[in-house]
Amino acid sequence: MIRYNLRCEQGHAFESWFQSSSAYDSQVRRKLVTCPTCGTAKVEKAIMAPQIVGRKGRDKPAPEPAPATAAEPTASEATPLMMAQERELRAKLKELRDHIVKNADNVGDRFPNEARAMHYGDKEHRAIYGEASPEEARSLVEEGVEISPLPALPDDRN
């Protein structure tokens, strides 16, 4: 595996791992490598220093990286590259969540009671969503109430 520091045409810096340099070249040609900040497929390798370990140096810890300059983000600022499949999965999860929010009633923390009442026939069935603690959710499942958690999504900026 090879880790490349990458930079997009807008100057956003990020890193990603590739099976080989030819895998990187192939993915760039097919526009699969995109900037996680702005989404552009116009990315290139940033300058990076190779880490070469000689025979005698194998037991020594790797040297500390040089301090980051203003042009290069620190590790906490760098965002790993998201693969095309992950972006597609996130988009589908967001679509599912948006559909549920649009077509169901948010009952908030009354969710366990509302779901139970519908399950036992005390209330008419309708699409609802809301909040339940892990213990409340477990109790509902043990009672045979059919529930599913809403997919958790990262911030839209990610």
N, C-alpha and C. Protein backbone atom coordinates (compact mmCIF):
# COMPACT_ATOMS: atom_id res chain seq x y z
N MET A 1 0.84 -1.18 0.00
CA MET A 1 0.00 0.00 0.00
C MET A 1 0.89 1.25 0.00
N ILE A 2 0.40 2.25 -0.72
CA ILE A 2 1.12 3.52 -0.80
C ILE A 2 0.20 4.64 -0.34
N ARG A 3 0.72 5.49 0.53
CA ARG A 3 -0.05 6.66 0.97
C ARG A 3 0.46 7.87 0.21
N TYR A 4 -0.48 8.56 -0.45
CA TYR A 4 -0.12 9.77 -1.17
C TYR A 4 -0.76 10.97 -0.48
N ASN A 5 0.02 12.05 -0.38
CA ASN A 5 -0.54 13.35 -0.02
C ASN A 5 -1.04 13.94 -1.32
N LEU A 6 -2.29 14.37 -1.35
CA LEU A 6 -2.90 14.88 -2.56
C LEU A 6 -3.36 16.32 -2.35
N ARG A 7 -3.53 17.03 -3.45
CA ARG A 7 -4.00 18.40 -3.40
C ARG A 7 -4.88 18.62 -4.63
N CYS A 8 -6.03 19.30 -4.42
CA CYS A 8 -6.93 19.56 -5.54
C CYS A 8 -6.60 20.92 -6.15
N GLU A 9 -7.28 21.24 -7.25
CA GLU A 9 -7.01 22.50 -7.94
C GLU A 9 -7.37 23.72 -7.09
N GLN A 10 -8.22 23.52 -6.07
CA GLN A 10 -8.59 24.62 -5.17
C GLN A 10 -7.61 24.77 -4.02
N GLY A 11 -6.62 23.87 -3.94
CA GLY A 11 -5.61 23.96 -2.89
C GLY A 11 -5.92 23.15 -1.64
N HIS A 12 -7.02 22.40 -1.64
CA HIS A 12 -7.35 21.56 -0.48
C HIS A 12 -6.39 20.37 -0.43
N ALA A 13 -5.81 20.12 0.72
CA ALA A 13 -4.88 19.01 0.88
C ALA A 13 -5.56 17.86 1.62
N PHE A 14 -5.27 16.64 1.18
CA PHE A 14 -5.80 15.44 1.84
C PHE A 14 -4.88 14.28 1.50
N GLU A 15 -5.12 13.14 2.10
CA GLU A 15 -4.29 11.97 1.82
C GLU A 15 -5.17 10.78 1.53
N SER A 16 -4.59 9.80 0.84
CA SER A 16 -5.32 8.58 0.54
C SER A 16 -4.33 7.45 0.30
N TRP A 17 -4.81 6.23 0.53
CA TRP A 17 -3.99 5.03 0.33
C TRP A 17 -4.39 4.36 -0.97
N PHE A 18 -3.39 3.79 -1.67
CA PHE A 18 -3.63 3.09 -2.92
C PHE A 18 -2.84 1.79 -2.91
N GLN A 19 -3.35 0.81 -3.63
CA GLN A 19 -2.70 -0.50 -3.72
C GLN A 19 -1.31 -0.36 -4.35
N SER A 20 -1.19 0.51 -5.35
CA SER A 20 0.08 0.73 -6.04
C SER A 20 0.02 2.07 -6.76
N SER A 21 1.14 2.49 -7.31
CA SER A 21 1.13 3.75 -8.06
C SER A 21 0.28 3.62 -9.31
N SER A 22 0.25 2.44 -9.93
CA SER A 22 -0.59 2.24 -11.11
C SER A 22 -2.08 2.27 -10.74
N ALA A 23 -2.42 1.81 -9.52
CA ALA A 23 -3.81 1.88 -9.07
C ALA A 23 -4.22 3.34 -8.90
N TYR A 24 -3.30 4.16 -8.36
CA TYR A 24 -3.57 5.59 -8.25
C TYR A 24 -3.81 6.19 -9.63
N ASP A 25 -2.88 5.92 -10.57
CA ASP A 25 -3.00 6.47 -11.93
C ASP A 25 -4.32 6.06 -12.58
N SER A 26 -4.69 4.81 -12.43
CA SER A 26 -5.94 4.30 -13.01
C SER A 26 -7.15 5.00 -12.42
N GLN A 27 -7.17 5.17 -11.10
CA GLN A 27 -8.31 5.81 -10.45
C GLN A 27 -8.41 7.29 -10.81
N VAL A 28 -7.28 7.96 -10.98
CA VAL A 28 -7.29 9.36 -11.38
C VAL A 28 -7.83 9.48 -12.80
N ARG A 29 -7.38 8.60 -13.70
CA ARG A 29 -7.87 8.63 -15.09
C ARG A 29 -9.38 8.44 -15.15
N ARG A 30 -9.91 7.56 -14.28
CA ARG A 30 -11.36 7.29 -14.28
C ARG A 30 -12.13 8.29 -13.41
N LYS A 31 -11.45 9.32 -12.91
CA LYS A 31 -12.04 10.38 -12.08
C LYS A 31 -12.70 9.83 -10.80
N LEU A 32 -12.07 8.79 -10.21
CA LEU A 32 -12.56 8.22 -8.96
C LEU A 32 -11.92 8.87 -7.74
N VAL A 33 -10.85 9.62 -7.97
CA VAL A 33 -10.18 10.30 -6.88
C VAL A 33 -10.69 11.74 -6.88
N THR A 34 -11.43 12.09 -5.82
CA THR A 34 -12.00 13.43 -5.74
C THR A 34 -11.67 14.07 -4.40
N CYS A 35 -11.67 15.37 -4.38
CA CYS A 35 -11.40 16.13 -3.15
C CYS A 35 -12.59 15.98 -2.21
N PRO A 36 -12.37 15.56 -0.97
CA PRO A 36 -13.48 15.41 -0.02
C PRO A 36 -14.06 16.75 0.42
N THR A 37 -13.35 17.84 0.20
CA THR A 37 -13.84 19.16 0.61
C THR A 37 -14.73 19.78 -0.46
N CYS A 38 -14.24 19.81 -1.73
CA CYS A 38 -15.01 20.49 -2.77
C CYS A 38 -15.54 19.55 -3.84
N GLY A 39 -15.07 18.29 -3.88
CA GLY A 39 -15.61 17.32 -4.80
C GLY A 39 -14.98 17.29 -6.18
N THR A 40 -14.03 18.16 -6.46
CA THR A 40 -13.42 18.18 -7.78
C THR A 40 -12.57 16.93 -8.00
N ALA A 41 -12.52 16.48 -9.26
CA ALA A 41 -11.71 15.32 -9.61
C ALA A 41 -10.34 15.76 -10.13
N LYS A 42 -10.07 17.05 -10.13
CA LYS A 42 -8.77 17.56 -10.59
C LYS A 42 -7.83 17.58 -9.40
N VAL A 43 -7.18 16.44 -9.15
CA VAL A 43 -6.26 16.30 -8.03
C VAL A 43 -4.90 15.85 -8.54
N GLU A 44 -3.89 16.15 -7.76
CA GLU A 44 -2.54 15.70 -8.09
C GLU A 44 -1.79 15.38 -6.82
N LYS A 45 -0.71 14.64 -6.99
CA LYS A 45 0.12 14.29 -5.85
C LYS A 45 0.82 15.54 -5.34
N ALA A 46 0.85 15.69 -4.04
CA ALA A 46 1.59 16.79 -3.42
C ALA A 46 3.01 16.31 -3.14
N ILE A 47 3.91 17.22 -2.96
CA ILE A 47 5.30 16.86 -2.66
C ILE A 47 5.35 16.19 -1.30
N MET A 48 6.06 15.06 -1.23
CA MET A 48 6.20 14.36 0.05
C MET A 48 7.57 13.71 0.10
N ALA A 49 8.10 13.56 1.29
CA ALA A 49 9.41 12.95 1.48
C ALA A 49 9.22 11.45 1.69
N PRO A 50 9.99 10.63 0.97
CA PRO A 50 9.87 9.18 1.17
C PRO A 50 10.47 8.77 2.51
N GLN A 51 9.95 7.70 3.07
CA GLN A 51 10.51 7.16 4.30
C GLN A 51 11.24 5.86 3.93
N ILE A 52 12.56 5.92 3.96
CA ILE A 52 13.37 4.77 3.60
C ILE A 52 14.07 4.29 4.86
N VAL A 53 13.95 3.01 5.13
CA VAL A 53 14.55 2.43 6.32
C VAL A 53 15.62 1.44 5.88
N GLY A 54 16.86 1.67 6.33
CA GLY A 54 17.95 0.76 6.02
C GLY A 54 17.91 -0.45 6.95
N ARG A 55 18.78 -1.40 6.72
CA ARG A 55 18.80 -2.62 7.55
C ARG A 55 19.01 -2.29 9.02
N LYS A 56 19.94 -1.40 9.32
CA LYS A 56 20.23 -1.08 10.71
C LYS A 56 19.11 -0.26 11.34
N GLY A 57 18.34 0.46 10.55
CA GLY A 57 17.31 1.33 11.08
C GLY A 57 15.96 0.67 11.30
N ARG A 58 15.84 -0.60 10.99
CA ARG A 58 14.54 -1.27 11.09
C ARG A 58 14.02 -1.35 12.52
N ASP A 59 14.93 -1.40 13.49
CA ASP A 59 14.49 -1.50 14.88
C ASP A 59 14.24 -0.13 15.49
N LYS A 60 14.65 0.93 14.81
CA LYS A 60 14.48 2.27 15.34
C LYS A 60 13.09 2.78 14.98
N PRO A 61 12.51 3.60 15.87
CA PRO A 61 11.22 4.18 15.52
C PRO A 61 11.37 5.15 14.36
N ALA A 62 10.30 5.36 13.62
CA ALA A 62 10.31 6.28 12.49
C ALA A 62 10.60 7.69 12.99
N PRO A 63 11.30 8.49 12.20
CA PRO A 63 11.60 9.85 12.65
C PRO A 63 10.32 10.67 12.74
N GLU A 64 10.35 11.67 13.60
CA GLU A 64 9.19 12.55 13.77
C GLU A 64 9.00 13.34 12.49
N PRO A 65 7.76 13.53 12.04
CA PRO A 65 7.55 14.33 10.84
C PRO A 65 7.88 15.79 11.11
N ALA A 66 8.26 16.48 10.03
CA ALA A 66 8.56 17.91 10.15
C ALA A 66 7.30 18.66 10.50
N PRO A 67 7.41 19.77 11.21
CA PRO A 67 6.21 20.53 11.55
C PRO A 67 5.49 20.99 10.30
N ALA A 68 4.17 21.05 10.37
CA ALA A 68 3.36 21.45 9.22
C ALA A 68 3.54 22.94 8.97
N THR A 69 3.56 23.29 7.69
CA THR A 69 3.63 24.70 7.32
C THR A 69 2.22 25.18 7.05
N ALA A 70 2.06 26.45 6.81
CA ALA A 70 0.74 27.01 6.54
C ALA A 70 0.13 26.41 5.29
N ALA A 71 0.97 26.01 4.32
CA ALA A 71 0.45 25.46 3.07
C ALA A 71 -0.03 24.02 3.22
N GLU A 72 0.48 23.31 4.23
CA GLU A 72 0.10 21.91 4.41
C GLU A 72 -0.66 21.74 5.70
N PRO A 73 -1.85 21.08 5.66
CA PRO A 73 -2.64 20.91 6.88
C PRO A 73 -2.02 19.88 7.79
N THR A 74 -2.34 19.97 9.07
CA THR A 74 -1.91 18.96 10.02
C THR A 74 -2.76 17.72 9.83
N ALA A 75 -2.38 16.62 10.48
CA ALA A 75 -3.13 15.36 10.32
C ALA A 75 -4.57 15.52 10.76
N SER A 76 -4.82 16.33 11.79
CA SER A 76 -6.19 16.50 12.25
C SER A 76 -7.03 17.30 11.26
N GLU A 77 -6.38 18.11 10.41
CA GLU A 77 -7.11 18.88 9.41
C GLU A 77 -7.30 18.10 8.12
N ALA A 78 -6.41 17.15 7.83
CA ALA A 78 -6.50 16.38 6.59
C ALA A 78 -7.70 15.44 6.65
N THR A 79 -8.35 15.28 5.53
CA THR A 79 -9.52 14.41 5.45
C THR A 79 -9.20 13.25 4.53
N PRO A 80 -9.41 12.01 4.96
CA PRO A 80 -9.12 10.89 4.08
C PRO A 80 -10.07 10.88 2.88
N LEU A 81 -9.57 10.41 1.80
CA LEU A 81 -10.36 10.35 0.57
C LEU A 81 -11.45 9.29 0.70
N MET A 82 -12.65 9.65 0.32
CA MET A 82 -13.78 8.73 0.40
C MET A 82 -13.91 8.00 -0.94
N MET A 83 -14.02 6.71 -0.89
CA MET A 83 -14.16 5.92 -2.11
C MET A 83 -15.55 6.15 -2.72
N ALA A 84 -15.65 5.91 -4.02
CA ALA A 84 -16.91 6.14 -4.74
C ALA A 84 -18.06 5.33 -4.14
N GLN A 85 -17.80 4.10 -3.73
CA GLN A 85 -18.86 3.27 -3.15
C GLN A 85 -19.35 3.85 -1.84
N GLU A 86 -18.46 4.41 -1.04
CA GLU A 86 -18.86 5.00 0.24
C GLU A 86 -19.71 6.24 0.01
N ARG A 87 -19.33 7.06 -0.99
CA ARG A 87 -20.13 8.24 -1.31
C ARG A 87 -21.53 7.82 -1.77
N GLU A 88 -21.59 6.77 -2.58
CA GLU A 88 -22.89 6.29 -3.06
C GLU A 88 -23.73 5.76 -1.91
N LEU A 89 -23.13 5.02 -0.99
CA LEU A 89 -23.86 4.49 0.16
C LEU A 89 -24.37 5.64 1.03
N ARG A 90 -23.53 6.64 1.28
CA ARG A 90 -23.97 7.78 2.09
C ARG A 90 -25.13 8.51 1.42
N ALA A 91 -25.06 8.64 0.09
CA ALA A 91 -26.14 9.32 -0.64
C ALA A 91 -27.45 8.54 -0.50
N LYS A 92 -27.37 7.22 -0.60
CA LYS A 92 -28.57 6.39 -0.46
C LYS A 92 -29.13 6.45 0.96
N LEU A 93 -28.26 6.43 1.96
CA LEU A 93 -28.71 6.53 3.35
C LEU A 93 -29.36 7.89 3.60
N LYS A 94 -28.79 8.94 3.03
CA LYS A 94 -29.38 10.27 3.18
C LYS A 94 -30.74 10.31 2.50
N GLU A 95 -30.85 9.71 1.33
CA GLU A 95 -32.13 9.65 0.62
C GLU A 95 -33.18 8.91 1.45
N LEU A 96 -32.79 7.78 2.05
CA LEU A 96 -33.71 7.01 2.89
C LEU A 96 -34.15 7.84 4.10
N ARG A 97 -33.19 8.45 4.75
CA ARG A 97 -33.51 9.27 5.94
C ARG A 97 -34.43 10.43 5.57
N ASP A 98 -34.13 11.12 4.46
CA ASP A 98 -34.97 12.24 4.02
C ASP A 98 -36.40 11.76 3.72
N HIS A 99 -36.52 10.58 3.11
CA HIS A 99 -37.85 10.02 2.80
C HIS A 99 -38.63 9.76 4.09
N ILE A 100 -37.98 9.18 5.08
CA ILE A 100 -38.65 8.88 6.35
C ILE A 100 -39.07 10.17 7.03
N VAL A 101 -38.17 11.13 7.11
CA VAL A 101 -38.49 12.40 7.77
C VAL A 101 -39.65 13.11 7.07
N LYS A 102 -39.67 13.02 5.74
CA LYS A 102 -40.72 13.70 4.97
C LYS A 102 -42.08 12.99 5.11
N ASN A 103 -42.09 11.65 5.22
CA ASN A 103 -43.33 10.88 5.15
C ASN A 103 -43.79 10.28 6.47
N ALA A 104 -43.13 10.58 7.56
CA ALA A 104 -43.51 10.02 8.86
C ALA A 104 -43.61 11.15 9.89
N ASP A 105 -44.33 10.86 10.98
CA ASP A 105 -44.50 11.84 12.05
C ASP A 105 -43.39 11.68 13.07
N ASN A 106 -42.77 12.80 13.45
CA ASN A 106 -41.75 12.78 14.50
C ASN A 106 -42.47 12.87 15.84
N VAL A 107 -42.42 11.78 16.61
CA VAL A 107 -43.08 11.76 17.91
C VAL A 107 -42.07 11.98 19.05
N GLY A 108 -40.83 12.28 18.69
CA GLY A 108 -39.80 12.60 19.68
C GLY A 108 -39.60 11.49 20.70
N ASP A 109 -39.53 11.89 21.98
CA ASP A 109 -39.25 10.91 23.04
C ASP A 109 -40.48 10.07 23.40
N ARG A 110 -41.61 10.34 22.75
CA ARG A 110 -42.81 9.51 22.96
C ARG A 110 -42.77 8.26 22.08
N PHE A 111 -41.69 8.09 21.30
CA PHE A 111 -41.61 6.98 20.35
C PHE A 111 -41.90 5.61 20.96
N PRO A 112 -41.27 5.22 22.07
CA PRO A 112 -41.54 3.89 22.62
C PRO A 112 -43.04 3.68 22.94
N ASN A 113 -43.67 4.68 23.55
CA ASN A 113 -45.09 4.56 23.90
C ASN A 113 -45.98 4.51 22.66
N GLU A 114 -45.68 5.35 21.68
CA GLU A 114 -46.48 5.38 20.44
C GLU A 114 -46.33 4.05 19.69
N ALA A 115 -45.11 3.56 19.57
CA ALA A 115 -44.88 2.30 18.85
C ALA A 115 -45.59 1.14 19.55
N ARG A 116 -45.51 1.10 20.85
CA ARG A 116 -46.18 0.06 21.64
C ARG A 116 -47.70 0.13 21.44
N ALA A 117 -48.27 1.34 21.53
CA ALA A 117 -49.72 1.52 21.39
C ALA A 117 -50.18 1.04 20.01
N MET A 118 -49.43 1.33 18.96
CA MET A 118 -49.81 0.86 17.62
C MET A 118 -49.66 -0.66 17.53
N HIS A 119 -48.61 -1.20 18.12
CA HIS A 119 -48.38 -2.64 18.07
C HIS A 119 -49.52 -3.41 18.74
N TYR A 120 -50.01 -2.91 19.85
CA TYR A 120 -51.06 -3.61 20.59
C TYR A 120 -52.47 -3.20 20.15
N GLY A 121 -52.58 -2.35 19.11
CA GLY A 121 -53.88 -1.98 18.58
C GLY A 121 -54.59 -0.88 19.32
N ASP A 122 -53.93 -0.21 20.24
CA ASP A 122 -54.54 0.90 20.97
C ASP A 122 -54.60 2.17 20.13
N LYS A 123 -53.74 2.27 19.12
CA LYS A 123 -53.72 3.42 18.21
C LYS A 123 -53.65 2.91 16.78
N GLU A 124 -54.15 3.73 15.85
CA GLU A 124 -54.09 3.39 14.44
C GLU A 124 -52.64 3.40 13.96
N HIS A 125 -52.29 2.43 13.10
CA HIS A 125 -50.92 2.36 12.57
C HIS A 125 -50.66 3.54 11.65
N ARG A 126 -49.48 4.13 11.79
CA ARG A 126 -49.02 5.19 10.91
C ARG A 126 -47.49 5.19 10.97
N ALA A 127 -46.88 5.85 10.02
CA ALA A 127 -45.42 5.93 10.00
C ALA A 127 -44.97 6.97 11.02
N ILE A 128 -44.08 6.54 11.93
CA ILE A 128 -43.55 7.45 12.95
C ILE A 128 -42.05 7.25 13.07
N TYR A 129 -41.41 8.25 13.63
CA TYR A 129 -40.01 8.12 14.04
C TYR A 129 -39.83 8.98 15.27
N GLY A 130 -38.77 8.71 16.01
CA GLY A 130 -38.53 9.47 17.23
C GLY A 130 -37.30 8.95 17.93
N GLU A 131 -37.26 9.16 19.22
CA GLU A 131 -36.08 8.80 20.01
C GLU A 131 -36.41 7.72 21.03
N ALA A 132 -35.46 6.82 21.21
CA ALA A 132 -35.58 5.78 22.24
C ALA A 132 -34.18 5.46 22.74
N SER A 133 -34.08 5.20 24.01
CA SER A 133 -32.78 4.80 24.57
C SER A 133 -32.49 3.38 24.10
N PRO A 134 -31.25 2.93 24.20
CA PRO A 134 -30.95 1.55 23.83
C PRO A 134 -31.79 0.54 24.62
N GLU A 135 -32.02 0.83 25.90
CA GLU A 135 -32.83 -0.08 26.73
C GLU A 135 -34.28 -0.11 26.24
N GLU A 136 -34.84 1.07 25.91
CA GLU A 136 -36.21 1.13 25.41
C GLU A 136 -36.34 0.39 24.07
N ALA A 137 -35.36 0.58 23.20
CA ALA A 137 -35.38 -0.09 21.90
C ALA A 137 -35.31 -1.60 22.08
N ARG A 138 -34.43 -2.06 22.97
CA ARG A 138 -34.30 -3.50 23.24
C ARG A 138 -35.62 -4.06 23.76
N SER A 139 -36.26 -3.33 24.66
CA SER A 139 -37.54 -3.76 25.22
C SER A 139 -38.61 -3.87 24.13
N LEU A 140 -38.66 -2.90 23.23
CA LEU A 140 -39.62 -2.95 22.12
C LEU A 140 -39.39 -4.18 21.25
N VAL A 141 -38.15 -4.45 20.92
CA VAL A 141 -37.82 -5.61 20.08
C VAL A 141 -38.22 -6.90 20.80
N GLU A 142 -37.94 -7.00 22.10
CA GLU A 142 -38.30 -8.20 22.87
C GLU A 142 -39.81 -8.42 22.92
N GLU A 143 -40.58 -7.32 22.84
CA GLU A 143 -42.04 -7.41 22.83
C GLU A 143 -42.59 -7.73 21.45
N GLY A 144 -41.71 -7.73 20.45
CA GLY A 144 -42.16 -8.04 19.09
C GLY A 144 -42.56 -6.82 18.29
N VAL A 145 -42.32 -5.63 18.81
CA VAL A 145 -42.62 -4.39 18.09
C VAL A 145 -41.56 -4.22 17.01
N GLU A 146 -42.00 -4.06 15.75
CA GLU A 146 -41.06 -3.92 14.64
C GLU A 146 -40.56 -2.47 14.57
N ILE A 147 -39.28 -2.31 14.83
CA ILE A 147 -38.65 -0.99 14.76
C ILE A 147 -37.34 -1.11 14.02
N SER A 148 -36.87 0.00 13.48
CA SER A 148 -35.56 0.07 12.83
C SER A 148 -34.96 1.43 13.15
N PRO A 149 -33.67 1.47 13.41
CA PRO A 149 -33.04 2.77 13.68
C PRO A 149 -32.89 3.57 12.39
N LEU A 150 -32.99 4.88 12.50
CA LEU A 150 -32.70 5.74 11.36
C LEU A 150 -31.19 5.71 11.15
N PRO A 151 -30.75 5.71 9.89
CA PRO A 151 -29.30 5.70 9.66
C PRO A 151 -28.67 6.98 10.19
N ALA A 152 -27.57 6.82 10.89
CA ALA A 152 -26.81 7.98 11.38
C ALA A 152 -25.93 8.47 10.25
N LEU A 153 -25.97 9.76 9.98
CA LEU A 153 -25.20 10.33 8.89
C LEU A 153 -24.18 11.32 9.41
N PRO A 154 -23.00 11.38 8.77
CA PRO A 154 -22.03 12.39 9.16
C PRO A 154 -22.54 13.77 8.73
N ASP A 155 -21.91 14.80 9.22
CA ASP A 155 -22.29 16.16 8.81
C ASP A 155 -22.24 16.27 7.29
N ASP A 156 -23.10 17.08 6.72
CA ASP A 156 -23.12 17.26 5.27
C ASP A 156 -21.79 17.75 4.72
N ARG A 157 -21.02 18.48 5.53
CA ARG A 157 -19.75 19.00 5.03
C ARG A 157 -18.71 17.89 4.90
N ASN A 158 -18.92 16.73 5.51
CA ASN A 158 -17.97 15.62 5.39
C ASN A 158 -18.25 14.92 4.13
